[in-house]
N, C-alpha and C. Protein backbone atom coordinates (compact mmCIF):
# COMPACT_ATOMS: atom_id res chain seq x y z
N MET A 1 49.35 -29.50 -4.14
CA MET A 1 48.06 -29.40 -3.47
C MET A 1 47.15 -30.52 -3.97
N ALA A 2 46.55 -31.24 -3.07
CA ALA A 2 45.68 -32.36 -3.45
C ALA A 2 44.35 -31.82 -3.96
N LEU A 3 43.88 -32.43 -5.03
CA LEU A 3 42.58 -32.04 -5.57
C LEU A 3 41.48 -32.82 -4.86
N ILE A 4 40.40 -32.12 -4.57
CA ILE A 4 39.24 -32.78 -3.95
C ILE A 4 38.28 -33.17 -5.06
N ARG A 5 38.02 -34.47 -5.16
CA ARG A 5 37.13 -34.94 -6.20
C ARG A 5 35.80 -35.37 -5.61
N PHE A 6 34.71 -34.95 -6.23
CA PHE A 6 33.38 -35.33 -5.79
C PHE A 6 32.82 -36.38 -6.73
N HIS A 7 32.25 -37.41 -6.14
CA HIS A 7 31.50 -38.37 -6.94
C HIS A 7 30.26 -37.65 -7.47
N PRO A 8 29.87 -37.88 -8.73
CA PRO A 8 28.69 -37.19 -9.29
C PRO A 8 27.47 -37.27 -8.39
N ALA A 9 27.24 -38.41 -7.77
CA ALA A 9 26.07 -38.56 -6.90
C ALA A 9 26.22 -37.68 -5.67
N GLY A 10 27.46 -37.64 -5.13
CA GLY A 10 27.71 -36.81 -3.95
C GLY A 10 27.57 -35.34 -4.28
N LEU A 11 28.05 -34.94 -5.46
CA LEU A 11 27.93 -33.55 -5.88
C LEU A 11 26.47 -33.15 -6.05
N SER A 12 25.69 -34.03 -6.62
CA SER A 12 24.26 -33.76 -6.79
C SER A 12 23.58 -33.58 -5.44
N THR A 13 23.97 -34.42 -4.48
CA THR A 13 23.38 -34.32 -3.14
C THR A 13 23.76 -32.99 -2.50
N LEU A 14 25.01 -32.58 -2.65
CA LEU A 14 25.49 -31.33 -2.08
C LEU A 14 24.73 -30.14 -2.68
N LEU A 15 24.58 -30.15 -4.00
CA LEU A 15 23.86 -29.07 -4.67
C LEU A 15 22.40 -29.02 -4.21
N LEU A 16 21.80 -30.18 -4.02
CA LEU A 16 20.42 -30.25 -3.56
C LEU A 16 20.27 -29.65 -2.17
N ILE A 17 21.25 -29.98 -1.29
CA ILE A 17 21.22 -29.44 0.08
C ILE A 17 21.34 -27.91 0.05
N LEU A 18 22.28 -27.41 -0.77
CA LEU A 18 22.46 -25.96 -0.88
C LEU A 18 21.20 -25.29 -1.40
N LEU A 19 20.56 -25.92 -2.38
CA LEU A 19 19.33 -25.37 -2.95
C LEU A 19 18.22 -25.31 -1.92
N ILE A 20 18.12 -26.37 -1.11
CA ILE A 20 17.09 -26.42 -0.07
C ILE A 20 17.33 -25.32 0.96
N LEU A 21 18.61 -25.14 1.35
CA LEU A 21 18.94 -24.10 2.34
C LEU A 21 18.63 -22.72 1.81
N LEU A 22 19.00 -22.47 0.56
CA LEU A 22 18.74 -21.16 -0.04
C LEU A 22 17.25 -20.90 -0.18
N CYS A 23 16.52 -21.89 -0.64
CA CYS A 23 15.07 -21.75 -0.81
C CYS A 23 14.39 -21.56 0.53
N GLY A 24 14.88 -22.29 1.53
CA GLY A 24 14.29 -22.17 2.87
C GLY A 24 14.45 -20.77 3.41
N SER A 25 15.63 -20.18 3.20
CA SER A 25 15.88 -18.81 3.66
C SER A 25 14.99 -17.83 2.93
N THR A 26 14.85 -18.01 1.61
CA THR A 26 14.01 -17.11 0.81
C THR A 26 12.56 -17.20 1.23
N VAL A 27 12.07 -18.42 1.46
CA VAL A 27 10.68 -18.61 1.88
C VAL A 27 10.43 -17.97 3.24
N ALA A 28 11.40 -18.13 4.17
CA ALA A 28 11.25 -17.54 5.49
C ALA A 28 11.17 -16.02 5.40
N GLN A 29 12.04 -15.44 4.56
CA GLN A 29 12.02 -13.98 4.38
C GLN A 29 10.70 -13.55 3.78
N SER A 30 10.26 -14.25 2.73
CA SER A 30 9.02 -13.91 2.05
C SER A 30 7.85 -14.00 3.02
N THR A 31 7.84 -15.04 3.85
CA THR A 31 6.76 -15.21 4.83
C THR A 31 6.76 -14.07 5.82
N PHE A 32 7.94 -13.64 6.28
CA PHE A 32 8.00 -12.53 7.23
C PHE A 32 7.37 -11.27 6.65
N TYR A 33 7.75 -10.92 5.43
CA TYR A 33 7.25 -9.68 4.85
C TYR A 33 5.76 -9.76 4.51
N THR A 34 5.30 -10.94 4.13
CA THR A 34 3.87 -11.12 3.93
C THR A 34 3.13 -10.97 5.24
N ASP A 35 3.69 -11.54 6.30
CA ASP A 35 3.08 -11.41 7.63
C ASP A 35 3.06 -9.95 8.07
N LEU A 36 4.13 -9.21 7.75
CA LEU A 36 4.18 -7.79 8.11
C LEU A 36 3.10 -7.01 7.37
N ALA A 37 2.93 -7.33 6.09
CA ALA A 37 1.87 -6.68 5.31
C ALA A 37 0.50 -6.97 5.91
N HIS A 38 0.26 -8.21 6.30
CA HIS A 38 -1.02 -8.58 6.90
C HIS A 38 -1.21 -7.89 8.25
N ALA A 39 -0.14 -7.78 9.02
CA ALA A 39 -0.22 -7.09 10.32
C ALA A 39 -0.61 -5.63 10.12
N ALA A 40 -0.04 -5.01 9.10
CA ALA A 40 -0.39 -3.62 8.80
C ALA A 40 -1.86 -3.51 8.37
N GLU A 41 -2.30 -4.46 7.56
CA GLU A 41 -3.70 -4.44 7.11
C GLU A 41 -4.67 -4.57 8.29
N GLU A 42 -4.30 -5.38 9.27
CA GLU A 42 -5.16 -5.55 10.44
C GLU A 42 -5.35 -4.23 11.19
N LEU A 43 -4.36 -3.37 11.12
CA LEU A 43 -4.44 -2.09 11.82
C LEU A 43 -5.53 -1.19 11.28
N THR A 44 -5.94 -1.42 10.04
CA THR A 44 -6.96 -0.56 9.44
C THR A 44 -8.33 -0.76 10.09
N ALA A 45 -8.48 -1.82 10.87
CA ALA A 45 -9.74 -2.05 11.59
C ALA A 45 -9.79 -1.25 12.88
N GLN A 46 -8.67 -0.68 13.27
CA GLN A 46 -8.57 0.08 14.52
C GLN A 46 -8.80 1.56 14.24
N ARG A 47 -9.76 2.16 14.91
CA ARG A 47 -10.06 3.57 14.71
C ARG A 47 -9.00 4.41 15.41
N VAL A 48 -8.34 5.25 14.63
CA VAL A 48 -7.25 6.07 15.16
C VAL A 48 -7.40 7.50 14.65
N ARG A 49 -7.27 8.43 15.58
CA ARG A 49 -7.30 9.85 15.22
C ARG A 49 -5.86 10.33 15.03
N TYR A 50 -5.62 11.06 13.95
CA TYR A 50 -4.28 11.57 13.69
C TYR A 50 -3.91 12.57 14.78
N ASP A 51 -2.82 12.29 15.48
CA ASP A 51 -2.41 13.14 16.60
C ASP A 51 -0.89 13.12 16.72
N PRO A 52 -0.22 14.20 16.30
CA PRO A 52 1.24 14.24 16.35
C PRO A 52 1.80 14.72 17.69
N SER A 53 0.98 14.75 18.72
CA SER A 53 1.42 15.24 20.02
C SER A 53 2.57 14.41 20.58
N TYR A 54 3.38 15.06 21.41
CA TYR A 54 4.44 14.36 22.14
C TYR A 54 3.81 13.62 23.31
N PHE A 55 4.13 12.33 23.44
CA PHE A 55 3.64 11.53 24.56
C PHE A 55 4.83 10.94 25.31
N SER A 56 4.73 10.91 26.62
CA SER A 56 5.70 10.18 27.42
C SER A 56 5.19 8.75 27.53
N ILE A 57 5.97 7.80 27.03
CA ILE A 57 5.49 6.42 26.96
C ILE A 57 6.47 5.47 27.65
N PRO A 58 6.00 4.29 28.05
CA PRO A 58 6.90 3.31 28.69
C PRO A 58 7.98 2.84 27.72
N TYR A 59 9.01 2.24 28.28
CA TYR A 59 10.10 1.68 27.49
C TYR A 59 10.39 0.27 28.01
N PRO A 60 10.65 -0.71 27.17
CA PRO A 60 11.09 -0.63 25.78
C PRO A 60 10.01 -0.91 24.74
N ASN A 61 8.77 -1.05 25.16
CA ASN A 61 7.71 -1.41 24.21
C ASN A 61 6.49 -0.54 24.44
N GLY A 62 6.71 0.76 24.54
CA GLY A 62 5.60 1.67 24.79
C GLY A 62 4.84 2.04 23.53
N ASP A 63 3.66 2.57 23.73
CA ASP A 63 2.85 3.03 22.60
C ASP A 63 2.05 4.24 23.04
N VAL A 64 1.74 5.08 22.09
CA VAL A 64 0.84 6.20 22.37
C VAL A 64 -0.56 5.63 22.57
N PRO A 65 -1.52 6.41 23.08
CA PRO A 65 -2.87 5.88 23.25
C PRO A 65 -3.38 5.17 21.99
N ALA A 66 -4.09 4.08 22.18
CA ALA A 66 -4.50 3.21 21.06
C ALA A 66 -5.35 3.93 20.03
N ASP A 67 -6.04 5.01 20.44
CA ASP A 67 -6.91 5.71 19.50
C ASP A 67 -6.23 6.94 18.88
N ARG A 68 -4.91 7.03 19.07
CA ARG A 68 -4.14 8.15 18.51
C ARG A 68 -3.00 7.60 17.67
N GLY A 69 -2.42 8.46 16.84
CA GLY A 69 -1.25 8.02 16.09
C GLY A 69 -0.97 8.85 14.86
N VAL A 70 0.21 8.63 14.29
CA VAL A 70 0.63 9.27 13.05
C VAL A 70 1.16 8.18 12.11
N CYS A 71 1.77 8.58 11.00
CA CYS A 71 2.20 7.59 10.02
C CYS A 71 3.21 6.61 10.59
N THR A 72 4.15 7.10 11.39
CA THR A 72 5.16 6.20 11.93
C THR A 72 4.56 5.16 12.87
N ASP A 73 3.47 5.50 13.54
CA ASP A 73 2.85 4.55 14.47
C ASP A 73 2.27 3.34 13.74
N VAL A 74 1.90 3.51 12.48
CA VAL A 74 1.44 2.36 11.68
C VAL A 74 2.57 1.35 11.54
N VAL A 75 3.76 1.85 11.21
CA VAL A 75 4.92 0.98 11.05
C VAL A 75 5.31 0.34 12.38
N ILE A 76 5.34 1.15 13.42
CA ILE A 76 5.71 0.66 14.75
C ILE A 76 4.75 -0.44 15.21
N ARG A 77 3.46 -0.21 15.03
CA ARG A 77 2.45 -1.18 15.49
C ARG A 77 2.46 -2.46 14.67
N ALA A 78 2.71 -2.33 13.38
CA ALA A 78 2.77 -3.53 12.54
C ALA A 78 3.95 -4.41 12.95
N TYR A 79 5.10 -3.80 13.17
CA TYR A 79 6.27 -4.57 13.60
C TYR A 79 6.05 -5.17 14.98
N ARG A 80 5.38 -4.44 15.85
CA ARG A 80 5.12 -4.96 17.19
C ARG A 80 4.33 -6.27 17.12
N LYS A 81 3.40 -6.37 16.18
CA LYS A 81 2.61 -7.59 16.04
C LYS A 81 3.49 -8.80 15.72
N LEU A 82 4.68 -8.55 15.18
CA LEU A 82 5.60 -9.64 14.84
C LEU A 82 6.73 -9.74 15.85
N GLY A 83 6.58 -9.06 16.99
CA GLY A 83 7.57 -9.19 18.06
C GLY A 83 8.81 -8.34 17.89
N ILE A 84 8.77 -7.32 17.02
CA ILE A 84 9.91 -6.42 16.83
C ILE A 84 9.50 -5.05 17.35
N TYR A 85 10.25 -4.54 18.33
CA TYR A 85 9.87 -3.31 19.01
C TYR A 85 10.78 -2.17 18.57
N LEU A 86 10.28 -1.36 17.66
CA LEU A 86 11.10 -0.32 17.06
C LEU A 86 11.49 0.77 18.05
N GLN A 87 10.70 0.97 19.09
CA GLN A 87 11.11 1.94 20.10
C GLN A 87 12.47 1.55 20.66
N ARG A 88 12.61 0.29 21.06
CA ARG A 88 13.88 -0.19 21.61
C ARG A 88 14.97 -0.24 20.54
N GLU A 89 14.64 -0.77 19.36
CA GLU A 89 15.63 -0.93 18.30
C GLU A 89 16.23 0.42 17.90
N VAL A 90 15.37 1.40 17.68
CA VAL A 90 15.85 2.72 17.26
C VAL A 90 16.61 3.39 18.39
N HIS A 91 16.10 3.31 19.60
CA HIS A 91 16.76 3.96 20.73
C HIS A 91 18.17 3.41 20.94
N GLU A 92 18.31 2.08 20.89
CA GLU A 92 19.62 1.49 21.11
C GLU A 92 20.60 1.87 20.00
N ASP A 93 20.11 1.93 18.75
CA ASP A 93 20.99 2.30 17.65
C ASP A 93 21.37 3.78 17.75
N MET A 94 20.42 4.62 18.14
CA MET A 94 20.72 6.05 18.28
C MET A 94 21.66 6.30 19.46
N ARG A 95 21.49 5.56 20.52
CA ARG A 95 22.35 5.74 21.69
C ARG A 95 23.80 5.39 21.36
N ALA A 96 23.97 4.38 20.51
CA ALA A 96 25.32 3.96 20.14
C ALA A 96 25.89 4.74 18.96
N ASN A 97 25.01 5.35 18.15
CA ASN A 97 25.45 6.01 16.91
C ASN A 97 24.70 7.32 16.70
N PHE A 98 24.65 8.13 17.73
CA PHE A 98 23.83 9.34 17.69
C PHE A 98 24.20 10.26 16.52
N ASP A 99 25.49 10.36 16.22
CA ASP A 99 25.92 11.26 15.15
C ASP A 99 25.47 10.81 13.77
N ALA A 100 25.05 9.56 13.63
CA ALA A 100 24.60 9.05 12.32
C ALA A 100 23.17 9.48 12.01
N TYR A 101 22.47 10.01 13.00
CA TYR A 101 21.06 10.36 12.83
C TYR A 101 20.87 11.85 12.57
N PRO A 102 19.75 12.21 11.93
CA PRO A 102 19.50 13.63 11.61
C PRO A 102 19.45 14.50 12.87
N ARG A 103 19.92 15.73 12.73
CA ARG A 103 19.85 16.69 13.83
C ARG A 103 18.82 17.75 13.47
N LEU A 104 17.57 17.35 13.35
CA LEU A 104 16.51 18.25 12.89
C LEU A 104 15.70 18.85 14.04
N TRP A 105 15.91 18.34 15.23
CA TRP A 105 15.05 18.75 16.34
C TRP A 105 15.83 19.35 17.51
N GLY A 106 17.08 19.65 17.29
CA GLY A 106 17.88 20.30 18.31
C GLY A 106 18.20 19.44 19.51
N LEU A 107 18.16 18.13 19.36
CA LEU A 107 18.43 17.24 20.48
C LEU A 107 19.94 17.05 20.67
N SER A 108 20.34 16.90 21.91
CA SER A 108 21.75 16.61 22.21
C SER A 108 21.94 15.16 22.63
N ARG A 109 20.84 14.43 22.76
CA ARG A 109 20.89 13.02 23.12
C ARG A 109 19.58 12.36 22.68
N PRO A 110 19.54 11.04 22.60
CA PRO A 110 18.31 10.35 22.18
C PRO A 110 17.16 10.60 23.15
N ASP A 111 15.95 10.55 22.61
CA ASP A 111 14.72 10.66 23.41
C ASP A 111 13.86 9.45 23.06
N ARG A 112 13.81 8.48 23.95
CA ARG A 112 13.13 7.22 23.64
C ARG A 112 11.62 7.37 23.56
N ASN A 113 11.07 8.50 23.91
CA ASN A 113 9.63 8.73 23.78
C ASN A 113 9.21 9.07 22.34
N ILE A 114 10.13 9.66 21.58
CA ILE A 114 9.72 10.23 20.29
C ILE A 114 10.62 9.85 19.11
N ASP A 115 11.86 9.46 19.36
CA ASP A 115 12.81 9.25 18.25
C ASP A 115 12.28 8.28 17.19
N HIS A 116 11.69 7.18 17.62
CA HIS A 116 11.21 6.16 16.68
C HIS A 116 9.94 6.59 15.96
N ARG A 117 9.33 7.68 16.39
CA ARG A 117 8.10 8.18 15.78
C ARG A 117 8.37 9.28 14.76
N ARG A 118 9.63 9.47 14.38
CA ARG A 118 10.00 10.49 13.40
C ARG A 118 10.50 9.81 12.14
N VAL A 119 9.93 10.19 11.00
CA VAL A 119 10.25 9.53 9.73
C VAL A 119 11.74 9.57 9.40
N PRO A 120 12.42 10.72 9.47
CA PRO A 120 13.85 10.72 9.13
C PRO A 120 14.67 9.75 9.99
N ASN A 121 14.29 9.59 11.25
CA ASN A 121 15.00 8.64 12.10
C ASN A 121 14.75 7.21 11.65
N LEU A 122 13.51 6.88 11.30
CA LEU A 122 13.23 5.53 10.81
C LEU A 122 13.95 5.26 9.49
N MET A 123 14.02 6.27 8.63
CA MET A 123 14.74 6.10 7.38
C MET A 123 16.21 5.77 7.65
N THR A 124 16.80 6.49 8.58
CA THR A 124 18.20 6.24 8.93
C THR A 124 18.36 4.85 9.54
N PHE A 125 17.45 4.49 10.43
CA PHE A 125 17.53 3.18 11.07
C PHE A 125 17.41 2.06 10.05
N PHE A 126 16.43 2.13 9.16
CA PHE A 126 16.24 1.07 8.17
C PHE A 126 17.42 1.00 7.21
N ALA A 127 17.98 2.16 6.85
CA ALA A 127 19.14 2.16 5.95
C ALA A 127 20.35 1.53 6.63
N ARG A 128 20.49 1.73 7.92
CA ARG A 128 21.63 1.20 8.66
C ARG A 128 21.49 -0.27 9.00
N ASN A 129 20.26 -0.72 9.23
CA ASN A 129 20.05 -2.06 9.77
C ASN A 129 19.25 -3.00 8.87
N GLY A 130 18.71 -2.47 7.78
CA GLY A 130 17.91 -3.29 6.89
C GLY A 130 18.48 -3.33 5.49
N VAL A 131 17.61 -3.47 4.53
CA VAL A 131 17.98 -3.51 3.11
C VAL A 131 17.43 -2.27 2.43
N VAL A 132 18.31 -1.53 1.77
CA VAL A 132 17.88 -0.38 0.99
C VAL A 132 17.51 -0.86 -0.41
N LYS A 133 16.27 -0.65 -0.80
CA LYS A 133 15.79 -1.14 -2.09
C LYS A 133 15.70 -0.01 -3.11
N THR A 134 15.51 -0.40 -4.35
CA THR A 134 15.46 0.55 -5.46
C THR A 134 14.29 1.51 -5.32
N ILE A 135 14.55 2.79 -5.62
CA ILE A 135 13.48 3.77 -5.75
C ILE A 135 13.20 3.92 -7.24
N SER A 136 11.99 3.64 -7.64
CA SER A 136 11.66 3.69 -9.07
C SER A 136 10.18 4.00 -9.25
N HIS A 137 9.77 4.08 -10.50
CA HIS A 137 8.36 4.25 -10.84
C HIS A 137 7.78 2.94 -11.37
N GLU A 138 8.48 1.84 -11.11
CA GLU A 138 8.01 0.52 -11.50
C GLU A 138 7.27 -0.12 -10.34
N ALA A 139 5.97 -0.34 -10.51
CA ALA A 139 5.15 -0.85 -9.41
C ALA A 139 5.66 -2.18 -8.89
N ASN A 140 6.21 -3.01 -9.77
CA ASN A 140 6.67 -4.35 -9.36
C ASN A 140 7.88 -4.31 -8.44
N ASP A 141 8.53 -3.16 -8.33
CA ASP A 141 9.66 -3.04 -7.43
C ASP A 141 9.22 -2.94 -5.97
N TYR A 142 7.93 -2.71 -5.76
CA TYR A 142 7.40 -2.51 -4.41
C TYR A 142 6.53 -3.70 -4.03
N GLN A 143 7.02 -4.48 -3.07
CA GLN A 143 6.38 -5.74 -2.71
C GLN A 143 5.82 -5.69 -1.29
N PRO A 144 4.86 -6.59 -0.97
CA PRO A 144 4.26 -6.62 0.37
C PRO A 144 5.32 -6.65 1.47
N GLY A 145 5.10 -5.82 2.48
CA GLY A 145 6.03 -5.74 3.60
C GLY A 145 7.14 -4.74 3.43
N ASP A 146 7.28 -4.17 2.23
CA ASP A 146 8.27 -3.11 2.03
C ASP A 146 7.85 -1.85 2.78
N ILE A 147 8.84 -1.09 3.21
CA ILE A 147 8.61 0.21 3.82
C ILE A 147 8.91 1.28 2.78
N VAL A 148 7.97 2.23 2.61
CA VAL A 148 8.15 3.30 1.64
C VAL A 148 8.03 4.64 2.35
N CYS A 149 8.92 5.58 1.98
CA CYS A 149 8.89 6.93 2.54
C CYS A 149 8.73 7.94 1.40
N TRP A 150 8.00 9.01 1.70
CA TRP A 150 7.71 10.04 0.70
C TRP A 150 8.07 11.42 1.22
N ASP A 151 8.30 12.33 0.27
CA ASP A 151 8.44 13.75 0.56
C ASP A 151 7.13 14.42 0.15
N LEU A 152 6.42 14.97 1.13
CA LEU A 152 5.13 15.62 0.85
C LEU A 152 5.31 17.09 0.50
N GLY A 153 6.53 17.58 0.55
CA GLY A 153 6.81 18.99 0.28
C GLY A 153 6.94 19.80 1.55
N ARG A 154 7.67 20.91 1.45
CA ARG A 154 7.86 21.83 2.58
C ARG A 154 8.44 21.15 3.82
N GLY A 155 9.31 20.20 3.57
CA GLY A 155 9.99 19.54 4.66
C GLY A 155 9.19 18.48 5.39
N VAL A 156 8.03 18.13 4.88
CA VAL A 156 7.17 17.12 5.52
C VAL A 156 7.43 15.76 4.89
N THR A 157 7.74 14.78 5.71
CA THR A 157 7.98 13.42 5.22
C THR A 157 6.88 12.49 5.70
N HIS A 158 6.77 11.35 5.04
CA HIS A 158 5.68 10.41 5.32
C HIS A 158 6.20 8.99 5.14
N ILE A 159 5.54 8.03 5.80
CA ILE A 159 5.98 6.63 5.72
C ILE A 159 4.77 5.70 5.73
N GLY A 160 4.90 4.56 5.06
CA GLY A 160 3.83 3.57 5.03
C GLY A 160 4.38 2.19 4.71
N ILE A 161 3.50 1.20 4.74
CA ILE A 161 3.88 -0.19 4.47
C ILE A 161 3.11 -0.70 3.25
N VAL A 162 3.81 -1.36 2.36
CA VAL A 162 3.16 -1.95 1.20
C VAL A 162 2.34 -3.16 1.66
N SER A 163 1.06 -3.17 1.29
CA SER A 163 0.16 -4.25 1.71
C SER A 163 0.22 -5.42 0.73
N SER A 164 -0.59 -6.44 1.00
CA SER A 164 -0.66 -7.60 0.11
C SER A 164 -1.84 -7.48 -0.85
N ARG A 165 -2.56 -6.38 -0.77
CA ARG A 165 -3.75 -6.19 -1.61
C ARG A 165 -3.44 -5.26 -2.77
N ARG A 166 -4.00 -5.58 -3.92
CA ARG A 166 -3.70 -4.82 -5.12
C ARG A 166 -4.76 -3.75 -5.42
N SER A 167 -4.34 -2.80 -6.22
CA SER A 167 -5.23 -1.74 -6.68
C SER A 167 -6.34 -2.33 -7.54
N THR A 168 -7.37 -1.54 -7.80
CA THR A 168 -8.51 -2.01 -8.59
C THR A 168 -8.09 -2.55 -9.95
N ASP A 169 -7.12 -1.90 -10.58
CA ASP A 169 -6.66 -2.36 -11.90
C ASP A 169 -5.60 -3.46 -11.80
N GLY A 170 -5.23 -3.83 -10.56
CA GLY A 170 -4.29 -4.93 -10.35
C GLY A 170 -2.84 -4.61 -10.65
N SER A 171 -2.53 -3.34 -10.91
CA SER A 171 -1.18 -3.02 -11.36
C SER A 171 -0.19 -2.70 -10.25
N ARG A 172 -0.65 -2.50 -9.02
CA ARG A 172 0.26 -2.17 -7.92
C ARG A 172 -0.39 -2.54 -6.59
N TYR A 173 0.43 -2.65 -5.57
CA TYR A 173 -0.09 -2.95 -4.24
C TYR A 173 -0.55 -1.67 -3.54
N LEU A 174 -1.56 -1.82 -2.69
CA LEU A 174 -2.05 -0.70 -1.90
C LEU A 174 -1.10 -0.45 -0.72
N ILE A 175 -1.24 0.72 -0.12
CA ILE A 175 -0.38 1.14 1.00
C ILE A 175 -1.21 1.28 2.27
N VAL A 176 -0.67 0.79 3.39
CA VAL A 176 -1.27 1.05 4.69
C VAL A 176 -0.50 2.23 5.29
N HIS A 177 -1.23 3.29 5.64
CA HIS A 177 -0.57 4.49 6.17
C HIS A 177 -1.57 5.33 6.94
N ASN A 178 -1.07 6.39 7.53
CA ASN A 178 -1.92 7.36 8.22
C ASN A 178 -1.43 8.74 7.82
N ILE A 179 -2.15 9.37 6.93
CA ILE A 179 -1.76 10.69 6.45
C ILE A 179 -2.73 11.77 6.96
N GLY A 180 -3.58 11.36 7.91
CA GLY A 180 -4.52 12.31 8.50
C GLY A 180 -5.90 11.74 8.74
N ALA A 181 -6.21 10.65 8.06
CA ALA A 181 -7.56 10.06 8.16
C ALA A 181 -7.54 8.74 8.93
N GLY A 182 -6.50 8.53 9.72
CA GLY A 182 -6.40 7.28 10.47
C GLY A 182 -5.61 6.23 9.71
N GLN A 183 -5.57 5.02 10.26
CA GLN A 183 -4.82 3.92 9.67
C GLN A 183 -5.65 3.30 8.56
N VAL A 184 -5.30 3.62 7.32
CA VAL A 184 -6.15 3.23 6.18
C VAL A 184 -5.33 2.53 5.11
N LEU A 185 -6.04 1.87 4.21
CA LEU A 185 -5.48 1.17 3.06
C LEU A 185 -5.83 1.99 1.82
N GLU A 186 -4.81 2.45 1.10
CA GLU A 186 -5.08 3.33 -0.05
C GLU A 186 -4.17 3.02 -1.23
N ASP A 187 -4.64 3.40 -2.39
CA ASP A 187 -3.88 3.28 -3.63
C ASP A 187 -3.12 4.60 -3.81
N CYS A 188 -1.96 4.72 -3.17
CA CYS A 188 -1.27 6.01 -3.16
C CYS A 188 0.24 5.88 -3.34
N LEU A 189 0.70 4.74 -3.83
CA LEU A 189 2.14 4.49 -3.93
C LEU A 189 2.88 5.62 -4.64
N PHE A 190 2.33 6.07 -5.76
CA PHE A 190 3.02 7.08 -6.56
C PHE A 190 2.38 8.46 -6.47
N ASN A 191 1.61 8.69 -5.42
CA ASN A 191 0.97 10.00 -5.25
C ASN A 191 1.95 11.09 -4.84
N PHE A 192 3.05 10.68 -4.23
CA PHE A 192 4.05 11.64 -3.76
C PHE A 192 5.43 11.16 -4.18
N ARG A 193 6.41 12.03 -4.04
CA ARG A 193 7.78 11.68 -4.43
C ARG A 193 8.38 10.71 -3.42
N ILE A 194 8.79 9.55 -3.89
CA ILE A 194 9.36 8.53 -3.01
C ILE A 194 10.82 8.88 -2.72
N ILE A 195 11.18 8.87 -1.43
CA ILE A 195 12.55 9.20 -1.02
C ILE A 195 13.21 8.06 -0.24
N GLY A 196 12.47 6.99 0.02
CA GLY A 196 13.04 5.87 0.74
C GLY A 196 12.27 4.59 0.47
N HIS A 197 13.01 3.48 0.39
CA HIS A 197 12.39 2.18 0.10
C HIS A 197 13.25 1.12 0.78
N TYR A 198 12.66 0.40 1.73
CA TYR A 198 13.45 -0.49 2.59
C TYR A 198 12.73 -1.81 2.87
N GLN A 199 13.55 -2.78 3.31
CA GLN A 199 13.05 -3.98 3.97
C GLN A 199 13.79 -4.14 5.28
N PHE A 200 13.08 -4.56 6.31
CA PHE A 200 13.71 -4.80 7.60
C PHE A 200 12.96 -5.94 8.28
N ASP A 201 13.71 -7.01 8.62
CA ASP A 201 13.07 -8.15 9.27
C ASP A 201 13.65 -8.43 10.65
N GLY A 202 14.49 -7.51 11.15
CA GLY A 202 15.03 -7.67 12.48
C GLY A 202 16.28 -8.52 12.55
N SER A 203 16.69 -9.12 11.44
CA SER A 203 17.83 -10.04 11.47
C SER A 203 19.14 -9.38 11.07
N GLN A 204 19.08 -8.12 10.62
CA GLN A 204 20.30 -7.47 10.16
C GLN A 204 21.00 -6.68 11.24
N ASP A 205 20.47 -6.72 12.47
CA ASP A 205 21.07 -5.91 13.54
C ASP A 205 22.52 -6.28 13.76
């Protein structure tokens, strides 16, 4: 077998190219998640009343009335600002892999009006199509643009987006979520038991 020999200058150039490609990919990812965090923060300027009602909405990019919403709608609306439509993404994944999703609502087939607005479904979708990150009590493990899910007790789950803004003491990032008071920015990362931690940029489909 012939050995391939690289001239030192050529090897240095190759390594430089690889480094640039790797750094470029990392920067692009970092920019996406920062943009997602900023998109979520922008939602806090929108007055929204907490309303878990079932709505019949258009497809593939429907939304409940602009002045209504729940925790999942924060995530859906933030992603929409970046051109990713979770209604369509979740529906298509559920249609192709229905048995992989929770059977908590007695459904026999996907419902594109509501499936993407349920926390357990989003958790399944992000785990299947995104990056599952560490669940810990270390604030530095949670970065802007991360998706976090909590167990509020008695079978109630919750979801939010890690923002780019830090707590008053600077030790952790604030969360954009809707737990009943509208789309707000709060220091609540460790207020409840964390059961999910994800990243999703639309490229893992």
